[in-house]
C-alpha atoms as a PDB file:
ATOM      1  CA  MET A   1     -34.347   0.800   2.072  1.00  0.00           C
ATOM      2  CA  GLY A   2     -35.529  -2.731   2.835  1.00  0.00           C
ATOM      3  CA  LEU A   3     -36.209  -4.747   5.913  1.00  0.00           C
ATOM      4  CA  GLY A   4     -33.656  -7.169   7.250  1.00  0.00           C
ATOM      5  CA  ASN A   5     -34.239 -10.775   6.305  1.00  0.00           C
ATOM      6  CA  GLY A   6     -32.565 -12.308   9.331  1.00  0.00           C
ATOM      7  CA  ASN A   7     -29.190 -12.957   7.709  1.00  0.00           C
ATOM      8  CA  PRO A   8     -26.235 -11.920   9.816  1.00  0.00           C
ATOM      9  CA  ASN A   9     -24.544  -8.591   9.178  1.00  0.00           C
ATOM     10  CA  SER A  10     -21.460  -8.368   7.024  1.00  0.00           C
ATOM     11  CA  GLY A  11     -19.133  -5.903   8.721  1.00  0.00           C
ATOM     12  CA  ASN A  12     -20.996  -2.601   9.166  1.00  0.00           C
ATOM     13  CA  LYS A  13     -23.403  -3.479   6.352  1.00  0.00           C
ATOM     14  CA  GLY A  14     -26.925  -4.611   7.198  1.00  0.00           C
ATOM     15  CA  SER A  15     -28.331  -7.938   6.100  1.00  0.00           C
ATOM     16  CA  ASN A  16     -29.964  -6.400   3.007  1.00  0.00           C
ATOM     17  CA  TYR A  17     -26.871  -4.540   1.789  1.00  0.00           C
ATOM     18  CA  ASN A  18     -26.329  -6.661  -1.332  1.00  0.00           C
ATOM     19  CA  TYR A  19     -30.001  -6.447  -2.355  1.00  0.00           C
ATOM     20  CA  GLU A  20     -30.098  -2.686  -1.779  1.00  0.00           C
ATOM     21  CA  ALA A  21     -26.856  -2.113  -3.692  1.00  0.00           C
ATOM     22  CA  ARG A  22     -28.193  -4.087  -6.685  1.00  0.00           C
ATOM     23  CA  SER A  23     -31.514  -2.214  -6.556  1.00  0.00           C
ATOM     24  CA  LEU A  24     -29.823   1.183  -6.511  1.00  0.00           C
ATOM     25  CA  GLY A  25     -27.549   0.122  -9.369  1.00  0.00           C
ATOM     26  CA  LEU A  26     -30.562  -0.976 -11.412  1.00  0.00           C
ATOM     27  CA  LEU A  27     -32.365   2.296 -10.729  1.00  0.00           C
ATOM     28  CA  GLY A  28     -29.283   4.187 -11.910  1.00  0.00           C
ATOM     29  CA  LYS A  29     -29.226   2.150 -15.137  1.00  0.00           C
ATOM     30  CA  ILE A  30     -32.923   2.874 -15.740  1.00  0.00           C
ATOM     31  CA  LEU A  31     -32.343   6.599 -15.233  1.00  0.00           C
ATOM     32  CA  THR A  32     -29.405   6.553 -17.649  1.00  0.00           C
ATOM     33  CA  ALA A  33     -31.376   4.542 -20.241  1.00  0.00           C
ATOM     34  CA  LEU A  34     -34.169   7.111 -20.109  1.00  0.00           C
ATOM     35  CA  GLY A  35     -31.641   9.845 -20.779  1.00  0.00           C
ATOM     36  CA  GLY A  36     -32.283  11.386 -17.432  1.00  0.00           C
ATOM     37  CA  SER A  37     -30.101  12.874 -14.838  1.00  0.00           C
ATOM     38  CA  PRO A  38     -30.799  14.041 -11.335  1.00  0.00           C
ATOM     39  CA  VAL A  39     -32.658  17.341 -11.267  1.00  0.00           C
ATOM     40  CA  VAL A  40     -30.608  20.088  -9.690  1.00  0.00           C
ATOM     41  CA  THR A  41     -32.311  23.384  -8.975  1.00  0.00           C
ATOM     42  CA  THR A  42     -30.243  26.393  -8.039  1.00  0.00           C
ATOM     43  CA  ARG A  43     -32.031  28.650  -5.564  1.00  0.00           C
ATOM     44  CA  THR A  44     -31.272  32.328  -4.999  1.00  0.00           C
ATOM     45  CA  ALA A  45     -31.194  33.660  -1.452  1.00  0.00           C
ATOM     46  CA  THR A  46     -31.830  37.297  -0.608  1.00  0.00           C
ATOM     47  CA  ALA A  47     -32.028  39.169   2.675  1.00  0.00           C
ATOM     48  CA  VAL A  48     -33.475  42.586   3.463  1.00  0.00           C
ATOM     49  CA  ARG A  49     -33.982  44.704   6.568  1.00  0.00           C
ATOM     50  CA  THR A  50     -37.124  46.784   6.566  1.00  0.00           C
ATOM     51  CA  ASN A  51     -39.266  48.997   8.757  1.00  0.00           C
ATOM     52  CA  ALA A  52     -42.060  49.369   6.213  1.00  0.00           C
ATOM     53  CA  ALA A  53     -45.285  47.624   5.282  1.00  0.00           C
ATOM     54  CA  ALA A  54     -45.248  45.581   2.069  1.00  0.00           C
ATOM     55  CA  THR A  55     -46.053  42.191   0.581  1.00  0.00           C
ATOM     56  CA  ILE A  56     -43.659  39.420  -0.386  1.00  0.00           C
ATOM     57  CA  PRO A  57     -44.947  38.292  -3.800  1.00  0.00           C
ATOM     58  CA  GLU A  58     -46.026  34.730  -4.457  1.00  0.00           C
ATOM     59  CA  GLY A  59     -43.656  32.264  -6.076  1.00  0.00           C
ATOM     60  CA  LYS A  60     -41.006  31.966  -3.356  1.00  0.00           C
ATOM     61  CA  GLN A  61     -39.686  28.609  -2.153  1.00  0.00           C
ATOM     62  CA  SER A  62     -38.971  29.687   1.424  1.00  0.00           C
ATOM     63  CA  VAL A  63     -39.389  32.842   3.537  1.00  0.00           C
ATOM     64  CA  SER A  64     -38.234  33.671   7.076  1.00  0.00           C
ATOM     65  CA  ILE A  65     -39.183  36.847   8.917  1.00  0.00           C
ATOM     66  CA  TYR A  66     -37.318  37.818  12.093  1.00  0.00           C
ATOM     67  CA  ASN A  67     -38.326  40.810  14.203  1.00  0.00           C
ATOM     68  CA  SER A  68     -34.998  42.391  15.143  1.00  0.00           C
ATOM     69  CA  GLY A  69     -36.625  45.558  16.509  1.00  0.00           C
ATOM     70  CA  THR A  70     -38.005  46.404  19.953  1.00  0.00           C
ATOM     71  CA  ALA A  71     -41.663  46.803  18.916  1.00  0.00           C
ATOM     72  CA  LYS A  72     -44.053  44.230  17.504  1.00  0.00           C
ATOM     73  CA  GLY A  73     -45.062  44.104  13.858  1.00  0.00           C
ATOM     74  CA  THR A  74     -47.606  41.997  12.011  1.00  0.00           C
ATOM     75  CA  ILE A  75     -47.754  39.386   9.283  1.00  0.00           C
ATOM     76  CA  PHE A  76     -50.889  38.537   7.313  1.00  0.00           C
ATOM     77  CA  GLY A  77     -52.464  41.680   8.755  1.00  0.00           C
ATOM     78  CA  LEU A  78     -53.380  40.073  12.055  1.00  0.00           C
ATOM     79  CA  THR A  79     -50.622  37.918  13.522  1.00  0.00           C
ATOM     80  CA  ASP A  80     -48.284  39.772  15.889  1.00  0.00           C
ATOM     81  CA  LEU A  81     -44.589  39.140  15.480  1.00  0.00           C
ATOM     82  CA  ASN A  82     -43.031  40.159  18.784  1.00  0.00           C
ATOM     83  CA  PRO A  83     -39.438  41.381  19.155  1.00  0.00           C
ATOM     84  CA  GLY A  84     -37.039  38.437  18.926  1.00  0.00           C
ATOM     85  CA  GLU A  85     -39.581  36.127  17.285  1.00  0.00           C
ATOM     86  CA  MET A  86     -39.139  34.503  13.893  1.00  0.00           C
ATOM     87  CA  VAL A  87     -41.509  32.698  11.573  1.00  0.00           C
ATOM     88  CA  SER A  88     -40.551  30.567   8.590  1.00  0.00           C
ATOM     89  CA  PHE A  89     -42.593  29.317   5.669  1.00  0.00           C
ATOM     90  CA  THR A  90     -41.376  26.632   3.290  1.00  0.00           C
ATOM     91  CA  ALA A  91     -43.130  25.228   0.240  1.00  0.00           C
ATOM     92  CA  GLY A  92     -43.384  21.469   0.676  1.00  0.00           C
ATOM     93  CA  ASP A  93     -42.147  20.122  -2.639  1.00  0.00           C
ATOM     94  CA  GLN A  94     -39.511  21.419  -5.003  1.00  0.00           C
ATOM     95  CA  ALA A  95     -42.249  22.334  -7.494  1.00  0.00           C
ATOM     96  CA  ASP A  96     -44.428  24.037  -4.854  1.00  0.00           C
ATOM     97  CA  VAL A  97     -44.250  27.767  -4.113  1.00  0.00           C
ATOM     98  CA  LEU A  98     -45.649  30.061  -1.444  1.00  0.00           C
ATOM     99  CA  GLY A  99     -48.479  32.548  -1.911  1.00  0.00           C
ATOM    100  CA  GLN A 100     -48.221  36.231  -1.019  1.00  0.00           C
ATOM    101  CA  ILE A 101     -47.093  37.144   2.491  1.00  0.00           C
ATOM    102  CA  PRO A 102     -48.142  40.628   3.635  1.00  0.00           C
ATOM    103  CA  TYR A 103     -46.216  42.146   6.535  1.00  0.00           C
ATOM    104  CA  ASP A 104     -46.076  45.397   8.464  1.00  0.00           C
ATOM    105  CA  ALA A 105     -42.864  46.465  10.168  1.00  0.00           C
ATOM    106  CA  SER A 106     -43.815  50.170  10.140  1.00  0.00           C
ATOM    107  CA  PRO A 107     -44.490  50.716  13.865  1.00  0.00           C
ATOM    108  CA  VAL A 108     -41.832  52.853  15.552  1.00  0.00           C
ATOM    109  CA  ASN A 109     -38.846  50.717  16.670  1.00  0.00           C
ATOM    110  CA  CYS A 110     -39.963  47.679  14.654  1.00  0.00           C
ATOM    111  CA  GLU A 111     -37.572  46.144  12.131  1.00  0.00           C
ATOM    112  CA  PHE A 112     -37.907  42.906  10.198  1.00  0.00           C
ATOM    113  CA  LEU A 113     -35.029  40.916   8.765  1.00  0.00           C
ATOM    114  CA  ILE A 114     -36.527  38.949   5.889  1.00  0.00           C
ATOM    115  CA  THR A 115     -34.722  36.131   4.103  1.00  0.00           C
ATOM    116  CA  ILE A 116     -36.154  34.725   0.903  1.00  0.00           C
ATOM    117  CA  LEU A 117     -35.245  31.673  -1.156  1.00  0.00           C
ATOM    118  CA  THR A 118     -36.498  31.680  -4.746  1.00  0.00           C
END
């Protein structure tokens, strides 16, 4: 959290341990005084196997697409996803979401395993 100030360590605690502990305690008191609590968001995970073409709708937190078949498929209409390859997309912040992700696993012997976190 902070830089050491040159004081010797106290056990396994760094030289700024006391300052950092007081700072975290103060931040906790401020959060409590504001009536807040840590934000906890429950995400729902789903998984699907497909050999079709479709679009994953926008609004997802995270998406992974794994080609478990023996033929290549495509994502975004132009990027090949070869057998055994996987791509993952994650929205940066908790409030961010992904846009649409079109995919095509319809070629013969192509199969995508798609995992989605909403």
